[in-house]
Amino acid sequence: MRQLALARPNKRYAGGIHEIWPLARDGRIATLLDDTIETVLRHGGASIIVNSITLIDRQRIAAILRY
C-alpha cells in the first residue's frame, strides 16, 4: 500500500477495472493489486489466472459459484 501511495502523486496510479484493462493491454502495469482475489481466497475459494483470450466474451472476469 505504501508503493501505491507513492505512485499516486507521480501519476503512476490507475484504479477501477475500466481504467486498468486498457493499461494492462498496453503493457503499462508494473504491479497489480487485486482485492477480489484476496477476498475469494480468504473465504476458502480458489483463483485461476487464464489466457486473456479465454474470458474475452465475459469481460475478462468470471466466477464459478458455490450455490
PDB file of N, CA and C in Angstrom:
ATOM      1  N   MET A   1       0.822  -1.187   0.000  1.00  0.00           N
ATOM      2  CA  MET A   1       0.000   0.000   0.000  1.00  0.00           C
ATOM      3  C   MET A   1       0.873   1.260   0.000  1.00  0.00           C
ATOM      4  N   ARG A   2       2.055   1.143   0.599  1.00  0.00           N
ATOM      5  CA  ARG A   2       2.977   2.280   0.589  1.00  0.00           C
ATOM      6  C   ARG A   2       3.391   2.619  -0.841  1.00  0.00           C
ATOM      7  N   GLN A   3       3.702   1.595  -1.631  1.00  0.00           N
ATOM      8  CA  GLN A   3       4.089   1.821  -3.028  1.00  0.00           C
ATOM      9  C   GLN A   3       2.948   2.475  -3.800  1.00  0.00           C
ATOM     10  N   LEU A   4       1.734   2.069  -3.530  1.00  0.00           N
ATOM     11  CA  LEU A   4       0.565   2.640  -4.192  1.00  0.00           C
ATOM     12  C   LEU A   4       0.425   4.115  -3.820  1.00  0.00           C
ATOM     13  N   ALA A   5       0.614   4.431  -2.539  1.00  0.00           N
ATOM     14  CA  ALA A   5       0.531   5.822  -2.080  1.00  0.00           C
ATOM     15  C   ALA A   5       1.607   6.681  -2.751  1.00  0.00           C
ATOM     16  N   LEU A   6       2.786   6.133  -2.950  1.00  0.00           N
ATOM     17  CA  LEU A   6       3.866   6.871  -3.602  1.00  0.00           C
ATOM     18  C   LEU A   6       3.606   7.056  -5.099  1.00  0.00           C
ATOM     19  N   ALA A   7       2.881   6.142  -5.703  1.00  0.00           N
ATOM     20  CA  ALA A   7       2.618   6.199  -7.143  1.00  0.00           C
ATOM     21  C   ALA A   7       1.584   7.272  -7.495  1.00  0.00           C
ATOM     22  N   ARG A   8       0.647   7.533  -6.598  1.00  0.00           N
ATOM     23  CA  ARG A   8      -0.436   8.484  -6.896  1.00  0.00           C
ATOM     24  C   ARG A   8       0.054   9.878  -7.266  1.00  0.00           C
ATOM     25  N   PRO A   9       0.879  10.529  -6.454  1.00  0.00           N
ATOM     26  CA  PRO A   9       1.285  11.893  -6.815  1.00  0.00           C
ATOM     27  C   PRO A   9       2.151  11.962  -8.079  1.00  0.00           C
ATOM     28  N   ASN A  10       2.748  10.855  -8.469  1.00  0.00           N
ATOM     29  CA  ASN A  10       3.582  10.803  -9.669  1.00  0.00           C
ATOM     30  C   ASN A  10       2.798  10.399 -10.911  1.00  0.00           C
ATOM     31  N   LYS A  11       1.477  10.361 -10.780  1.00  0.00           N
ATOM     32  CA  LYS A  11       0.586   9.977 -11.890  1.00  0.00           C
ATOM     33  C   LYS A  11       0.936   8.601 -12.449  1.00  0.00           C
ATOM     34  N   ARG A  12       1.283   7.682 -11.558  1.00  0.00           N
ATOM     35  CA  ARG A  12       1.587   6.306 -11.955  1.00  0.00           C
ATOM     36  C   ARG A  12       0.624   5.362 -11.245  1.00  0.00           C
ATOM     37  N   TYR A  13      -0.637   5.782 -11.162  1.00  0.00           N
ATOM     38  CA  TYR A  13      -1.681   5.028 -10.472  1.00  0.00           C
ATOM     39  C   TYR A  13      -2.881   4.887 -11.397  1.00  0.00           C
ATOM     40  N   ALA A  14      -3.536   3.753 -11.336  1.00  0.00           N
ATOM     41  CA  ALA A  14      -4.793   3.550 -12.045  1.00  0.00           C
ATOM     42  C   ALA A  14      -5.717   2.773 -11.121  1.00  0.00           C
ATOM     43  N   GLY A  15      -6.994   3.045 -11.206  1.00  0.00           N
ATOM     44  CA  GLY A  15      -7.959   2.349 -10.368  1.00  0.00           C
ATOM     45  C   GLY A  15      -9.228   2.036 -11.132  1.00  0.00           C
ATOM     46  N   GLY A  16      -9.846   0.942 -10.804  1.00  0.00           N
ATOM     47  CA  GLY A  16     -11.082   0.539 -11.460  1.00  0.00           C
ATOM     48  C   GLY A  16     -10.816  -0.308 -12.693  1.00  0.00           C
ATOM     49  N   ILE A  17     -11.659  -1.286 -12.889  1.00  0.00           N
ATOM     50  CA  ILE A  17     -11.471  -2.249 -13.976  1.00  0.00           C
ATOM     51  C   ILE A  17     -11.467  -1.571 -15.343  1.00  0.00           C
ATOM     52  N   HIS A  18     -12.285  -0.536 -15.527  1.00  0.00           N
ATOM     53  CA  HIS A  18     -12.365   0.123 -16.835  1.00  0.00           C
ATOM     54  C   HIS A  18     -11.117   0.937 -17.145  1.00  0.00           C
ATOM     55  N   GLU A  19     -10.434   1.410 -16.116  1.00  0.00           N
ATOM     56  CA  GLU A  19      -9.191   2.148 -16.332  1.00  0.00           C
ATOM     57  C   GLU A  19      -7.991   1.203 -16.448  1.00  0.00           C
ATOM     58  N   ILE A  20      -8.022   0.123 -15.684  1.00  0.00           N
ATOM     59  CA  ILE A  20      -6.881  -0.795 -15.631  1.00  0.00           C
ATOM     60  C   ILE A  20      -6.755  -1.655 -16.881  1.00  0.00           C
ATOM     61  N   TRP A  21      -7.863  -2.166 -17.430  1.00  0.00           N
ATOM     62  CA  TRP A  21      -7.765  -3.094 -18.573  1.00  0.00           C
ATOM     63  C   TRP A  21      -7.048  -2.519 -19.782  1.00  0.00           C
ATOM     64  N   PRO A  22      -7.369  -1.298 -20.211  1.00  0.00           N
ATOM     65  CA  PRO A  22      -6.621  -0.762 -21.364  1.00  0.00           C
ATOM     66  C   PRO A  22      -5.123  -0.623 -21.076  1.00  0.00           C
ATOM     67  N   LEU A  23      -4.790  -0.236 -19.845  1.00  0.00           N
ATOM     68  CA  LEU A  23      -3.381  -0.099 -19.472  1.00  0.00           C
ATOM     69  C   LEU A  23      -2.690  -1.455 -19.448  1.00  0.00           C
ATOM     70  N   ALA A  24      -3.400  -2.468 -18.992  1.00  0.00           N
ATOM     71  CA  ALA A  24      -2.841  -3.831 -18.977  1.00  0.00           C
ATOM     72  C   ALA A  24      -2.570  -4.299 -20.404  1.00  0.00           C
ATOM     73  N   ARG A  25      -3.507  -4.051 -21.314  1.00  0.00           N
ATOM     74  CA  ARG A  25      -3.323  -4.455 -22.712  1.00  0.00           C
ATOM     75  C   ARG A  25      -2.142  -3.731 -23.348  1.00  0.00           C
ATOM     76  N   ASP A  26      -1.867  -2.497 -22.898  1.00  0.00           N
ATOM     77  CA  ASP A  26      -0.738  -1.735 -23.432  1.00  0.00           C
ATOM     78  C   ASP A  26       0.586  -2.114 -22.769  1.00  0.00           C
ATOM     79  N   GLY A  27       0.540  -2.988 -21.761  1.00  0.00           N
ATOM     80  CA  GLY A  27       1.756  -3.406 -21.072  1.00  0.00           C
ATOM     81  C   GLY A  27       2.299  -2.368 -20.106  1.00  0.00           C
ATOM     82  N   ARG A  28       1.457  -1.456 -19.624  1.00  0.00           N
ATOM     83  CA  ARG A  28       1.913  -0.365 -18.767  1.00  0.00           C
ATOM     84  C   ARG A  28       1.883  -0.688 -17.277  1.00  0.00           C
ATOM     85  N   ILE A  29       1.272  -1.790 -16.877  1.00  0.00           N
ATOM     86  CA  ILE A  29       1.131  -2.089 -15.444  1.00  0.00           C
ATOM     87  C   ILE A  29       2.362  -2.822 -14.930  1.00  0.00           C
ATOM     88  N   ALA A  30       2.958  -2.264 -13.876  1.00  0.00           N
ATOM     89  CA  ALA A  30       4.113  -2.889 -13.234  1.00  0.00           C
ATOM     90  C   ALA A  30       3.675  -3.836 -12.128  1.00  0.00           C
ATOM     91  N   THR A  31       2.675  -3.448 -11.347  1.00  0.00           N
ATOM     92  CA  THR A  31       2.181  -4.249 -10.231  1.00  0.00           C
ATOM     93  C   THR A  31       0.669  -4.135 -10.174  1.00  0.00           C
ATOM     94  N   LEU A  32      -0.016  -5.257 -10.044  1.00  0.00           N
ATOM     95  CA  LEU A  32      -1.470  -5.280  -9.951  1.00  0.00           C
ATOM     96  C   LEU A  32      -1.881  -5.659  -8.542  1.00  0.00           C
ATOM     97  N   LEU A  33      -2.732  -4.857  -7.919  1.00  0.00           N
ATOM     98  CA  LEU A  33      -3.285  -5.150  -6.601  1.00  0.00           C
ATOM     99  C   LEU A  33      -4.747  -5.516  -6.819  1.00  0.00           C
ATOM    100  N   ASP A  34      -5.119  -6.699  -6.479  1.00  0.00           N
ATOM    101  CA  ASP A  34      -6.493  -7.154  -6.784  1.00  0.00           C
ATOM    102  C   ASP A  34      -7.138  -7.720  -5.521  1.00  0.00           C
ATOM    103  N   ASP A  35      -7.965  -6.904  -4.904  1.00  0.00           N
ATOM    104  CA  ASP A  35      -8.618  -7.346  -3.670  1.00  0.00           C
ATOM    105  C   ASP A  35      -9.687  -8.399  -3.910  1.00  0.00           C
ATOM    106  N   THR A  36     -10.153  -8.550  -5.146  1.00  0.00           N
ATOM    107  CA  THR A  36     -11.130  -9.595  -5.447  1.00  0.00           C
ATOM    108  C   THR A  36     -10.522 -10.968  -5.198  1.00  0.00           C
ATOM    109  N   ILE A  37      -9.315 -11.187  -5.686  1.00  0.00           N
ATOM    110  CA  ILE A  37      -8.635 -12.468  -5.467  1.00  0.00           C
ATOM    111  C   ILE A  37      -8.431 -12.707  -3.981  1.00  0.00           C
ATOM    112  N   GLU A  38      -7.969 -11.692  -3.257  1.00  0.00           N
ATOM    113  CA  GLU A  38      -7.727 -11.843  -1.825  1.00  0.00           C
ATOM    114  C   GLU A  38      -9.013 -12.205  -1.079  1.00  0.00           C
ATOM    115  N   THR A  39     -10.109 -11.561  -1.415  1.00  0.00           N
ATOM    116  CA  THR A  39     -11.379 -11.837  -0.756  1.00  0.00           C
ATOM    117  C   THR A  39     -11.847 -13.260  -1.025  1.00  0.00           C
ATOM    118  N   VAL A  40     -11.733 -13.707  -2.264  1.00  0.00           N
ATOM    119  CA  VAL A  40     -12.121 -15.075  -2.618  1.00  0.00           C
ATOM    120  C   VAL A  40     -11.277 -16.088  -1.845  1.00  0.00           C
ATOM    121  N   LEU A  41      -9.968 -15.873  -1.801  1.00  0.00           N
ATOM    122  CA  LEU A  41      -9.079 -16.786  -1.079  1.00  0.00           C
ATOM    123  C   LEU A  41      -9.386 -16.786   0.416  1.00  0.00           C
ATOM    124  N   ARG A  42      -9.664 -15.632   0.981  1.00  0.00           N
ATOM    125  CA  ARG A  42      -9.965 -15.528   2.409  1.00  0.00           C
ATOM    126  C   ARG A  42     -11.208 -16.335   2.777  1.00  0.00           C
ATOM    127  N   HIS A  43     -12.124 -16.481   1.849  1.00  0.00           N
ATOM    128  CA  HIS A  43     -13.352 -17.233   2.096  1.00  0.00           C
ATOM    129  C   HIS A  43     -13.272 -18.675   1.613  1.00  0.00           C
ATOM    130  N   GLY A  44     -12.051 -19.154   1.397  1.00  0.00           N
ATOM    131  CA  GLY A  44     -11.856 -20.558   1.045  1.00  0.00           C
ATOM    132  C   GLY A  44     -12.029 -20.879  -0.420  1.00  0.00           C
ATOM    133  N   GLY A  45     -12.122 -19.884  -1.263  1.00  0.00           N
ATOM    134  CA  GLY A  45     -12.251 -20.120  -2.693  1.00  0.00           C
ATOM    135  C   GLY A  45     -10.880 -20.245  -3.347  1.00  0.00           C
ATOM    136  N   ALA A  46     -10.880 -20.374  -4.648  1.00  0.00           N
ATOM    137  CA  ALA A  46      -9.644 -20.514  -5.414  1.00  0.00           C
ATOM    138  C   ALA A  46      -9.611 -19.433  -6.494  1.00  0.00           C
ATOM    139  N   SER A  47      -8.428 -19.171  -6.998  1.00  0.00           N
ATOM    140  CA  SER A  47      -8.255 -18.211  -8.075  1.00  0.00           C
ATOM    141  C   SER A  47      -7.406 -18.854  -9.163  1.00  0.00           C
ATOM    142  N   ILE A  48      -7.803 -18.663 -10.398  1.00  0.00           N
ATOM    143  CA  ILE A  48      -7.072 -19.226 -11.529  1.00  0.00           C
ATOM    144  C   ILE A  48      -6.792 -18.105 -12.521  1.00  0.00           C
ATOM    145  N   ILE A  49      -5.548 -17.971 -12.914  1.00  0.00           N
ATOM    146  CA  ILE A  49      -5.171 -16.993 -13.932  1.00  0.00           C
ATOM    147  C   ILE A  49      -5.146 -17.724 -15.269  1.00  0.00           C
ATOM    148  N   VAL A  50      -5.870 -17.180 -16.240  1.00  0.00           N
ATOM    149  CA  VAL A  50      -6.004 -17.835 -17.540  1.00  0.00           C
ATOM    150  C   VAL A  50      -5.539 -16.904 -18.656  1.00  0.00           C
ATOM    151  N   ASN A  51      -5.353 -17.469 -19.823  1.00  0.00           N
ATOM    152  CA  ASN A  51      -5.005 -16.716 -21.017  1.00  0.00           C
ATOM    153  C   ASN A  51      -6.078 -15.663 -21.274  1.00  0.00           C
ATOM    154  N   SER A  52      -5.677 -14.476 -21.670  1.00  0.00           N
ATOM    155  CA  SER A  52      -6.619 -13.370 -21.836  1.00  0.00           C
ATOM    156  C   SER A  52      -7.732 -13.655 -22.837  1.00  0.00           C
ATOM    157  N   ILE A  53      -7.472 -14.432 -23.844  1.00  0.00           N
ATOM    158  CA  ILE A  53      -8.489 -14.740 -24.857  1.00  0.00           C
ATOM    159  C   ILE A  53      -9.604 -15.616 -24.279  1.00  0.00           C
ATOM    160  N   THR A  54      -9.283 -16.402 -23.275  1.00  0.00           N
ATOM    161  CA  THR A  54     -10.243 -17.333 -22.693  1.00  0.00           C
ATOM    162  C   THR A  54     -11.503 -16.638 -22.195  1.00  0.00           C
ATOM    163  N   LEU A  55     -11.386 -15.466 -21.602  1.00  0.00           N
ATOM    164  CA  LEU A  55     -12.536 -14.787 -20.995  1.00  0.00           C
ATOM    165  C   LEU A  55     -12.955 -13.526 -21.744  1.00  0.00           C
ATOM    166  N   ILE A  56     -12.567 -13.395 -22.987  1.00  0.00           N
ATOM    167  CA  ILE A  56     -12.852 -12.169 -23.737  1.00  0.00           C
ATOM    168  C   ILE A  56     -14.356 -11.899 -23.851  1.00  0.00           C
ATOM    169  N   ASP A  57     -15.169 -12.923 -23.978  1.00  0.00           N
ATOM    170  CA  ASP A  57     -16.614 -12.735 -24.108  1.00  0.00           C
ATOM    171  C   ASP A  57     -17.305 -12.577 -22.757  1.00  0.00           C
ATOM    172  N   ARG A  58     -16.554 -12.576 -21.665  1.00  0.00           N
ATOM    173  CA  ARG A  58     -17.108 -12.423 -20.316  1.00  0.00           C
ATOM    174  C   ARG A  58     -16.512 -11.210 -19.607  1.00  0.00           C
ATOM    175  N   GLN A  59     -16.104 -10.218 -20.353  1.00  0.00           N
ATOM    176  CA  GLN A  59     -15.481  -9.002 -19.839  1.00  0.00           C
ATOM    177  C   GLN A  59     -14.236  -9.299 -19.010  1.00  0.00           C
ATOM    178  N   ARG A  60     -13.560 -10.402 -19.348  1.00  0.00           N
ATOM    179  CA  ARG A  60     -12.257 -10.795 -18.801  1.00  0.00           C
ATOM    180  C   ARG A  60     -12.251 -11.154 -17.321  1.00  0.00           C
ATOM    181  N   ILE A  61     -13.429 -11.398 -16.751  1.00  0.00           N
ATOM    182  CA  ILE A  61     -13.505 -11.894 -15.381  1.00  0.00           C
ATOM    183  C   ILE A  61     -14.742 -12.773 -15.276  1.00  0.00           C
ATOM    184  N   ALA A  62     -14.606 -13.891 -14.572  1.00  0.00           N
ATOM    185  CA  ALA A  62     -15.730 -14.805 -14.423  1.00  0.00           C
ATOM    186  C   ALA A  62     -15.587 -15.539 -13.102  1.00  0.00           C
ATOM    187  N   ALA A  63     -16.672 -16.154 -12.648  1.00  0.00           N
ATOM    188  CA  ALA A  63     -16.644 -16.893 -11.379  1.00  0.00           C
ATOM    189  C   ALA A  63     -17.523 -18.129 -11.480  1.00  0.00           C
ATOM    190  N   ILE A  64     -17.097 -19.176 -10.811  1.00  0.00           N
ATOM    191  CA  ILE A  64     -17.905 -20.386 -10.625  1.00  0.00           C
ATOM    192  C   ILE A  64     -18.450 -20.290  -9.207  1.00  0.00           C
ATOM    193  N   LEU A  65     -19.747 -20.262  -9.064  1.00  0.00           N
ATOM    194  CA  LEU A  65     -20.360 -20.044  -7.761  1.00  0.00           C
ATOM    195  C   LEU A  65     -20.551 -21.329  -6.960  1.00  0.00           C
ATOM    196  N   ARG A  66     -20.537 -21.214  -5.659  1.00  0.00           N
ATOM    197  CA  ARG A  66     -20.774 -22.353  -4.766  1.00  0.00           C
ATOM    198  C   ARG A  66     -22.253 -22.736  -4.750  1.00  0.00           C
ATOM    199  N   TYR A  67     -23.098 -21.766  -4.805  1.00  0.00           N
ATOM    200  CA  TYR A  67     -24.551 -22.015  -4.763  1.00  0.00           C
ATOM    201  C   TYR A  67     -25.273 -20.896  -5.456  1.00  0.00           C
TER     202      TYR A  67
END
